[in-house]
C-alpha atoms as a PDB file:
ATOM      1  CA  MET A   1     -88.962   2.506 -24.629  1.00  0.00           C
ATOM      2  CA  LYS A   2     -91.933   0.890 -23.264  1.00  0.00           C
ATOM      3  CA  PRO A   3     -95.290   2.659 -24.490  1.00  0.00           C
ATOM      4  CA  ILE A   4     -96.370   3.190 -21.031  1.00  0.00           C
ATOM      5  CA  LEU A   5     -93.394   5.197 -20.108  1.00  0.00           C
ATOM      6  CA  LEU A   6     -93.356   7.103 -23.060  1.00  0.00           C
ATOM      7  CA  LEU A   7     -97.234   8.265 -22.456  1.00  0.00           C
ATOM      8  CA  LEU A   8     -95.996   9.183 -18.835  1.00  0.00           C
ATOM      9  CA  ILE A   9     -93.013  11.352 -20.322  1.00  0.00           C
ATOM     10  CA  VAL A  10     -95.414  13.142 -22.552  1.00  0.00           C
ATOM     11  CA  MET A  11     -97.965  13.725 -19.968  1.00  0.00           C
ATOM     12  CA  VAL A  12     -95.402  15.289 -17.738  1.00  0.00           C
ATOM     13  CA  LEU A  13     -93.876  17.431 -20.332  1.00  0.00           C
ATOM     14  CA  GLY A  14     -97.392  18.664 -21.732  1.00  0.00           C
ATOM     15  CA  GLY A  15     -99.048  19.254 -18.428  1.00  0.00           C
ATOM     16  CA  CYS A  16    -102.712  19.109 -18.362  1.00  0.00           C
ATOM     17  CA  ASN A  17    -103.603  21.054 -21.644  1.00  0.00           C
ATOM     18  CA  LYS A  18    -103.429  18.750 -24.482  1.00  0.00           C
ATOM     19  CA  ASP A  19    -106.125  19.868 -27.195  1.00  0.00           C
ATOM     20  CA  ILE A  20    -104.512  17.532 -29.883  1.00  0.00           C
ATOM     21  CA  HIS A  21    -106.487  14.831 -31.044  1.00  0.00           C
ATOM     22  CA  ARG A  22    -104.271  12.789 -33.530  1.00  0.00           C
ATOM     23  CA  HIS A  23    -103.829   9.656 -31.427  1.00  0.00           C
ATOM     24  CA  PRO A  24    -105.247   6.731 -32.989  1.00  0.00           C
ATOM     25  CA  ASP A  25    -103.461   4.541 -30.867  1.00  0.00           C
ATOM     26  CA  LEU A  26    -105.542   5.512 -27.851  1.00  0.00           C
ATOM     27  CA  VAL A  27    -109.010   3.991 -28.323  1.00  0.00           C
ATOM     28  CA  THR A  28    -110.443   3.193 -24.739  1.00  0.00           C
ATOM     29  CA  GLY A  29    -111.752   5.737 -22.293  1.00  0.00           C
ATOM     30  CA  GLN A  30    -109.135   4.720 -19.858  1.00  0.00           C
ATOM     31  CA  GLN A  31    -106.412   5.560 -22.456  1.00  0.00           C
ATOM     32  CA  LEU A  32    -107.863   8.794 -23.314  1.00  0.00           C
ATOM     33  CA  PHE A  33    -108.352   9.768 -19.699  1.00  0.00           C
ATOM     34  CA  ASP A  34    -104.641   8.793 -18.774  1.00  0.00           C
ATOM     35  CA  TYR A  35    -103.560  11.065 -21.800  1.00  0.00           C
ATOM     36  CA  HIS A  36    -105.801  13.944 -21.402  1.00  0.00           C
ATOM     37  CA  CYS A  37    -106.726  14.087 -17.619  1.00  0.00           C
ATOM     38  CA  ALA A  38    -104.714  11.866 -15.449  1.00  0.00           C
ATOM     39  CA  SER A  39    -101.684  14.342 -15.019  1.00  0.00           C
ATOM     40  CA  CYS A  40    -104.126  16.717 -13.297  1.00  0.00           C
ATOM     41  CA  HIS A  41    -106.766  14.311 -11.606  1.00  0.00           C
ATOM     42  CA  THR A  42    -104.265  11.513 -11.115  1.00  0.00           C
ATOM     43  CA  GLU A  43    -104.958   7.944 -12.675  1.00  0.00           C
ATOM     44  CA  THR A  44    -107.099   6.938  -9.796  1.00  0.00           C
ATOM     45  CA  GLY A  45    -109.338  10.212 -10.362  1.00  0.00           C
ATOM     46  CA  LYS A  46    -108.782  11.253  -6.772  1.00  0.00           C
ATOM     47  CA  GLY A  47    -107.510  14.720  -7.904  1.00  0.00           C
ATOM     48  CA  ASN A  48    -105.149  16.808  -5.987  1.00  0.00           C
ATOM     49  CA  PHE A  49    -106.458  18.850  -3.052  1.00  0.00           C
ATOM     50  CA  LEU A  50    -102.953  20.918  -2.598  1.00  0.00           C
ATOM     51  CA  LYS A  51    -103.355  21.935  -6.224  1.00  0.00           C
ATOM     52  CA  GLY A  52    -106.862  22.703  -6.296  1.00  0.00           C
ATOM     53  CA  VAL A  53    -107.936  19.884  -8.509  1.00  0.00           C
ATOM     54  CA  PRO A  54    -111.082  18.418  -7.601  1.00  0.00           C
ATOM     55  CA  PRO A  55    -111.675  14.590  -7.662  1.00  0.00           C
ATOM     56  CA  ASN A  56    -113.591  13.181 -10.332  1.00  0.00           C
ATOM     57  CA  LYS A  57    -113.892   9.669  -8.823  1.00  0.00           C
ATOM     58  CA  ASN A  58    -117.612   9.207  -7.652  1.00  0.00           C
ATOM     59  CA  THR A  59    -119.027  12.370  -9.502  1.00  0.00           C
ATOM     60  CA  SER A  60    -122.421  13.095  -9.296  1.00  0.00           C
ATOM     61  CA  LEU A  61    -122.184  14.483 -12.819  1.00  0.00           C
ATOM     62  CA  THR A  62    -123.830  12.626 -15.477  1.00  0.00           C
ATOM     63  CA  VAL A  63    -121.885  11.196 -18.526  1.00  0.00           C
ATOM     64  CA  TRP A  64    -123.394  14.243 -20.459  1.00  0.00           C
ATOM     65  CA  GLN A  65    -122.418  16.574 -18.136  1.00  0.00           C
ATOM     66  CA  ILE A  66    -118.849  15.423 -17.870  1.00  0.00           C
ATOM     67  CA  ALA A  67    -118.388  15.252 -21.647  1.00  0.00           C
ATOM     68  CA  HIS A  68    -119.888  18.789 -21.607  1.00  0.00           C
ATOM     69  CA  LYS A  69    -117.161  20.222 -18.999  1.00  0.00           C
ATOM     70  CA  ILE A  70    -114.584  18.437 -21.209  1.00  0.00           C
ATOM     71  CA  ARG A  71    -115.529  20.070 -24.591  1.00  0.00           C
ATOM     72  CA  ILE A  72    -118.257  22.986 -24.057  1.00  0.00           C
ATOM     73  CA  ASP A  73    -118.347  24.500 -20.721  1.00  0.00           C
ATOM     74  CA  ALA A  74    -116.021  27.461 -20.618  1.00  0.00           C
ATOM     75  CA  ASN A  75    -117.518  29.603 -17.469  1.00  0.00           C
ATOM     76  CA  ASP A  76    -115.403  32.288 -15.981  1.00  0.00           C
ATOM     77  CA  LYS A  77    -114.363  30.301 -12.766  1.00  0.00           C
ATOM     78  CA  ARG A  78    -113.037  27.273 -14.946  1.00  0.00           C
ATOM     79  CA  LYS A  79    -109.619  26.161 -13.955  1.00  0.00           C
ATOM     80  CA  MET A  80    -109.691  22.846 -16.138  1.00  0.00           C
ATOM     81  CA  PRO A  81    -108.346  23.337 -19.476  1.00  0.00           C
ATOM     82  CA  LEU A  82    -111.133  23.173 -22.406  1.00  0.00           C
ATOM     83  CA  TYR A  83    -110.666  20.789 -25.164  1.00  0.00           C
ATOM     84  CA  PRO A  84    -112.967  22.408 -28.110  1.00  0.00           C
ATOM     85  CA  ASN A  85    -111.036  20.230 -30.623  1.00  0.00           C
ATOM     86  CA  MET A  86    -112.045  16.981 -28.982  1.00  0.00           C
ATOM     87  CA  SER A  87    -114.660  14.909 -30.659  1.00  0.00           C
ATOM     88  CA  ALA A  88    -117.932  14.264 -28.712  1.00  0.00           C
ATOM     89  CA  GLU A  89    -117.315  10.456 -28.858  1.00  0.00           C
ATOM     90  CA  GLU A  90    -113.884  11.054 -27.254  1.00  0.00           C
ATOM     91  CA  ALA A  91    -115.426  13.053 -24.571  1.00  0.00           C
ATOM     92  CA  GLU A  92    -117.955  10.461 -23.884  1.00  0.00           C
ATOM     93  CA  LEU A  93    -115.414   7.701 -23.789  1.00  0.00           C
ATOM     94  CA  ILE A  94    -113.614   9.700 -21.059  1.00  0.00           C
ATOM     95  CA  ALA A  95    -116.879  10.538 -19.142  1.00  0.00           C
ATOM     96  CA  ASP A  96    -117.975   6.770 -19.334  1.00  0.00           C
ATOM     97  CA  TYR A  97    -114.571   5.890 -17.742  1.00  0.00           C
ATOM     98  CA  VAL A  98    -114.675   8.643 -15.148  1.00  0.00           C
ATOM     99  CA  LYS A  99    -118.134   7.289 -14.043  1.00  0.00           C
ATOM    100  CA  GLN A 100    -116.557   3.710 -13.478  1.00  0.00           C
ATOM    101  CA  LEU A 101    -113.650   5.185 -11.576  1.00  0.00           C
END
């Protein structure tokens, strides 16, 4: 089975909430985004308006703000899953990638 197909199957079965960080084969921001975020925000970062998932492409948030939202920012109105077990480095790789979308 091709790795991409396997990754897509895992994403579909796991949904948006994957606070598991034992994936040494995922090392780039894009790979980490695809694993943790793309099932909700889409691979292009355009989000899903009908499901209430905002785009993260062209966001005005800084890298620090994005990484903070991923790992720490747990406000009451939050719909996005929180990843408190994610390392700061992993969150920053994702945030850097989001800023390049």
